[in-house]
N, C-alpha and C. Protein backbone atom coordinates (compact mmCIF):
# COMPACT_ATOMS: atom_id res chain seq x y z
N MET A 1 10.90 20.45 8.75
CA MET A 1 10.65 19.31 7.91
C MET A 1 10.24 19.83 6.53
N GLY A 2 10.99 19.44 5.50
CA GLY A 2 10.71 19.92 4.15
C GLY A 2 9.66 19.09 3.44
N ASP A 3 9.34 19.54 2.23
CA ASP A 3 8.34 18.82 1.43
C ASP A 3 8.78 17.39 1.14
N ALA A 4 10.05 17.19 0.87
CA ALA A 4 10.56 15.84 0.59
C ALA A 4 10.39 14.94 1.81
N ASP A 5 10.66 15.48 2.98
CA ASP A 5 10.49 14.70 4.22
C ASP A 5 9.03 14.35 4.45
N ILE A 6 8.15 15.29 4.18
CA ILE A 6 6.72 15.05 4.36
C ILE A 6 6.24 13.98 3.40
N ARG A 7 6.68 14.06 2.14
CA ARG A 7 6.31 13.05 1.14
C ARG A 7 6.83 11.67 1.54
N GLU A 8 8.06 11.64 2.04
CA GLU A 8 8.63 10.36 2.47
C GLU A 8 7.83 9.77 3.63
N GLN A 9 7.44 10.61 4.59
CA GLN A 9 6.63 10.14 5.71
C GLN A 9 5.29 9.60 5.22
N GLN A 10 4.68 10.29 4.26
CA GLN A 10 3.40 9.83 3.72
C GLN A 10 3.56 8.49 3.01
N GLN A 11 4.64 8.34 2.25
CA GLN A 11 4.90 7.08 1.55
C GLN A 11 5.15 5.95 2.55
N LEU A 12 5.90 6.25 3.59
CA LEU A 12 6.17 5.24 4.62
C LEU A 12 4.88 4.81 5.32
N ARG A 13 4.03 5.76 5.63
CA ARG A 13 2.76 5.45 6.29
C ARG A 13 1.85 4.61 5.37
N ALA A 14 1.84 4.95 4.08
CA ALA A 14 1.04 4.19 3.13
C ALA A 14 1.57 2.76 3.03
N ARG A 15 2.88 2.61 2.93
CA ARG A 15 3.50 1.28 2.86
C ARG A 15 3.23 0.50 4.14
N LEU A 16 3.30 1.17 5.26
CA LEU A 16 3.04 0.53 6.55
C LEU A 16 1.61 -0.02 6.58
N GLY A 17 0.66 0.76 6.10
CA GLY A 17 -0.72 0.30 6.05
C GLY A 17 -0.89 -0.93 5.18
N GLU A 18 -0.21 -0.94 4.03
CA GLU A 18 -0.27 -2.10 3.13
C GLU A 18 0.30 -3.34 3.81
N LEU A 19 1.45 -3.18 4.45
CA LEU A 19 2.10 -4.31 5.11
C LEU A 19 1.26 -4.84 6.27
N GLU A 20 0.69 -3.94 7.04
CA GLU A 20 -0.13 -4.37 8.17
C GLU A 20 -1.38 -5.12 7.68
N SER A 21 -1.94 -4.66 6.59
CA SER A 21 -3.11 -5.34 6.02
C SER A 21 -2.74 -6.74 5.54
N GLU A 22 -1.62 -6.84 4.83
CA GLU A 22 -1.17 -8.15 4.36
C GLU A 22 -0.85 -9.07 5.53
N HIS A 23 -0.27 -8.53 6.59
CA HIS A 23 0.06 -9.31 7.78
C HIS A 23 -1.21 -9.87 8.41
N ARG A 24 -2.25 -9.03 8.53
CA ARG A 24 -3.53 -9.49 9.08
C ARG A 24 -4.16 -10.57 8.19
N ASP A 25 -4.08 -10.35 6.88
CA ASP A 25 -4.65 -11.32 5.94
C ASP A 25 -3.93 -12.67 6.08
N LEU A 26 -2.62 -12.64 6.18
CA LEU A 26 -1.86 -13.88 6.35
C LEU A 26 -2.23 -14.57 7.66
N ASP A 27 -2.44 -13.79 8.69
CA ASP A 27 -2.85 -14.35 9.98
C ASP A 27 -4.16 -15.12 9.82
N ASP A 28 -5.10 -14.53 9.09
CA ASP A 28 -6.39 -15.18 8.85
C ASP A 28 -6.22 -16.47 8.04
N VAL A 29 -5.40 -16.40 6.99
CA VAL A 29 -5.18 -17.56 6.13
C VAL A 29 -4.50 -18.68 6.93
N ILE A 30 -3.51 -18.33 7.72
CA ILE A 30 -2.81 -19.32 8.54
C ILE A 30 -3.76 -19.97 9.53
N GLY A 31 -4.60 -19.17 10.14
CA GLY A 31 -5.58 -19.70 11.09
C GLY A 31 -6.55 -20.65 10.41
N GLN A 32 -7.01 -20.27 9.22
CA GLN A 32 -7.95 -21.12 8.48
C GLN A 32 -7.27 -22.39 8.01
N LEU A 33 -6.04 -22.28 7.52
CA LEU A 33 -5.31 -23.44 7.02
C LEU A 33 -5.08 -24.46 8.13
N GLY A 34 -4.84 -23.97 9.34
CA GLY A 34 -4.59 -24.85 10.48
C GLY A 34 -5.81 -25.64 10.89
N THR A 35 -7.01 -25.14 10.56
CA THR A 35 -8.23 -25.85 10.94
C THR A 35 -8.63 -26.90 9.91
N ASP A 36 -8.13 -26.75 8.68
CA ASP A 36 -8.43 -27.73 7.63
C ASP A 36 -7.55 -28.97 7.83
N THR A 37 -8.16 -30.13 7.71
CA THR A 37 -7.36 -31.36 7.81
C THR A 37 -7.62 -32.20 6.58
N PRO A 38 -6.65 -32.77 5.96
CA PRO A 38 -5.23 -32.49 6.20
C PRO A 38 -4.84 -31.14 5.57
N PHE A 39 -3.76 -30.57 6.05
CA PHE A 39 -3.31 -29.30 5.50
C PHE A 39 -1.87 -29.45 5.01
N ASP A 40 -1.50 -28.56 4.13
CA ASP A 40 -0.19 -28.58 3.51
C ASP A 40 0.82 -27.92 4.46
N GLN A 41 1.65 -28.74 5.08
CA GLN A 41 2.62 -28.24 6.06
C GLN A 41 3.62 -27.28 5.42
N LEU A 42 4.05 -27.59 4.19
CA LEU A 42 5.02 -26.73 3.51
C LEU A 42 4.41 -25.35 3.23
N GLN A 43 3.16 -25.33 2.78
CA GLN A 43 2.49 -24.06 2.53
C GLN A 43 2.35 -23.26 3.83
N LEU A 44 2.01 -23.94 4.91
CA LEU A 44 1.88 -23.28 6.20
C LEU A 44 3.20 -22.66 6.63
N GLN A 45 4.29 -23.39 6.47
CA GLN A 45 5.62 -22.86 6.83
C GLN A 45 5.97 -21.65 5.99
N ARG A 46 5.66 -21.69 4.70
CA ARG A 46 5.96 -20.55 3.82
C ARG A 46 5.16 -19.32 4.22
N LEU A 47 3.89 -19.53 4.55
CA LEU A 47 3.05 -18.41 4.97
C LEU A 47 3.57 -17.81 6.27
N LYS A 48 3.96 -18.65 7.21
CA LYS A 48 4.49 -18.15 8.48
C LYS A 48 5.80 -17.39 8.27
N LYS A 49 6.64 -17.89 7.37
CA LYS A 49 7.90 -17.20 7.08
C LYS A 49 7.64 -15.83 6.45
N ARG A 50 6.67 -15.78 5.54
CA ARG A 50 6.30 -14.50 4.91
C ARG A 50 5.75 -13.55 5.96
N LYS A 51 4.95 -14.06 6.87
CA LYS A 51 4.37 -13.24 7.93
C LYS A 51 5.47 -12.65 8.82
N LEU A 52 6.48 -13.46 9.15
CA LEU A 52 7.60 -12.96 9.96
C LEU A 52 8.39 -11.88 9.21
N GLY A 53 8.57 -12.09 7.90
CA GLY A 53 9.25 -11.09 7.09
C GLY A 53 8.49 -9.77 7.08
N LEU A 54 7.17 -9.87 6.98
CA LEU A 54 6.34 -8.67 7.01
C LEU A 54 6.47 -7.96 8.35
N LYS A 55 6.49 -8.74 9.42
CA LYS A 55 6.62 -8.15 10.76
C LYS A 55 7.92 -7.37 10.88
N ASP A 56 9.00 -7.95 10.36
CA ASP A 56 10.30 -7.26 10.40
C ASP A 56 10.25 -5.96 9.61
N GLU A 57 9.64 -6.02 8.42
CA GLU A 57 9.56 -4.82 7.59
C GLU A 57 8.67 -3.76 8.24
N ILE A 58 7.60 -4.20 8.88
CA ILE A 58 6.71 -3.27 9.60
C ILE A 58 7.48 -2.56 10.71
N GLU A 59 8.24 -3.31 11.48
CA GLU A 59 9.02 -2.71 12.57
C GLU A 59 10.07 -1.74 12.04
N LEU A 60 10.68 -2.07 10.92
CA LEU A 60 11.68 -1.18 10.32
C LEU A 60 11.04 0.14 9.91
N ILE A 61 9.89 0.06 9.26
CA ILE A 61 9.20 1.29 8.82
C ILE A 61 8.74 2.09 10.03
N ARG A 62 8.20 1.41 11.04
CA ARG A 62 7.77 2.14 12.25
C ARG A 62 8.94 2.88 12.88
N SER A 63 10.12 2.27 12.89
CA SER A 63 11.28 2.93 13.48
C SER A 63 11.73 4.14 12.65
N ARG A 64 11.48 4.09 11.35
CA ARG A 64 11.80 5.23 10.50
C ARG A 64 10.80 6.36 10.67
N ILE A 65 9.54 6.00 10.94
CA ILE A 65 8.51 7.02 11.13
C ILE A 65 8.66 7.67 12.49
N LEU A 66 8.85 6.85 13.51
CA LEU A 66 8.99 7.33 14.89
C LEU A 66 10.31 6.84 15.47
N PRO A 67 11.41 7.49 15.14
CA PRO A 67 12.70 7.03 15.65
C PRO A 67 12.76 7.16 17.18
N ASP A 68 13.50 6.25 17.80
CA ASP A 68 13.68 6.31 19.23
C ASP A 68 14.41 7.59 19.61
N ILE A 69 13.90 8.26 20.62
CA ILE A 69 14.53 9.48 21.10
C ILE A 69 15.16 9.16 22.46
N ILE A 70 16.47 9.27 22.52
CA ILE A 70 17.17 9.02 23.76
C ILE A 70 17.24 10.32 24.54
N ALA A 71 16.63 10.30 25.71
CA ALA A 71 16.58 11.51 26.52
C ALA A 71 17.73 11.57 27.49
């Protein structure tokens, strides 16, 4: 593994941490928004859609960091 590969892995791990943090934050906001009445249904849908997008990006980065090894 060369220096470029190591730097890429470090960048991916840093990005993964950022995405996971944002995902957790959105989870908290969605939970709080759901307890407030009345709440903005459109805002809730947008937050959930963003959260799903983050989940997809997190899974993509995880697969790049730890690719599946077929034995």
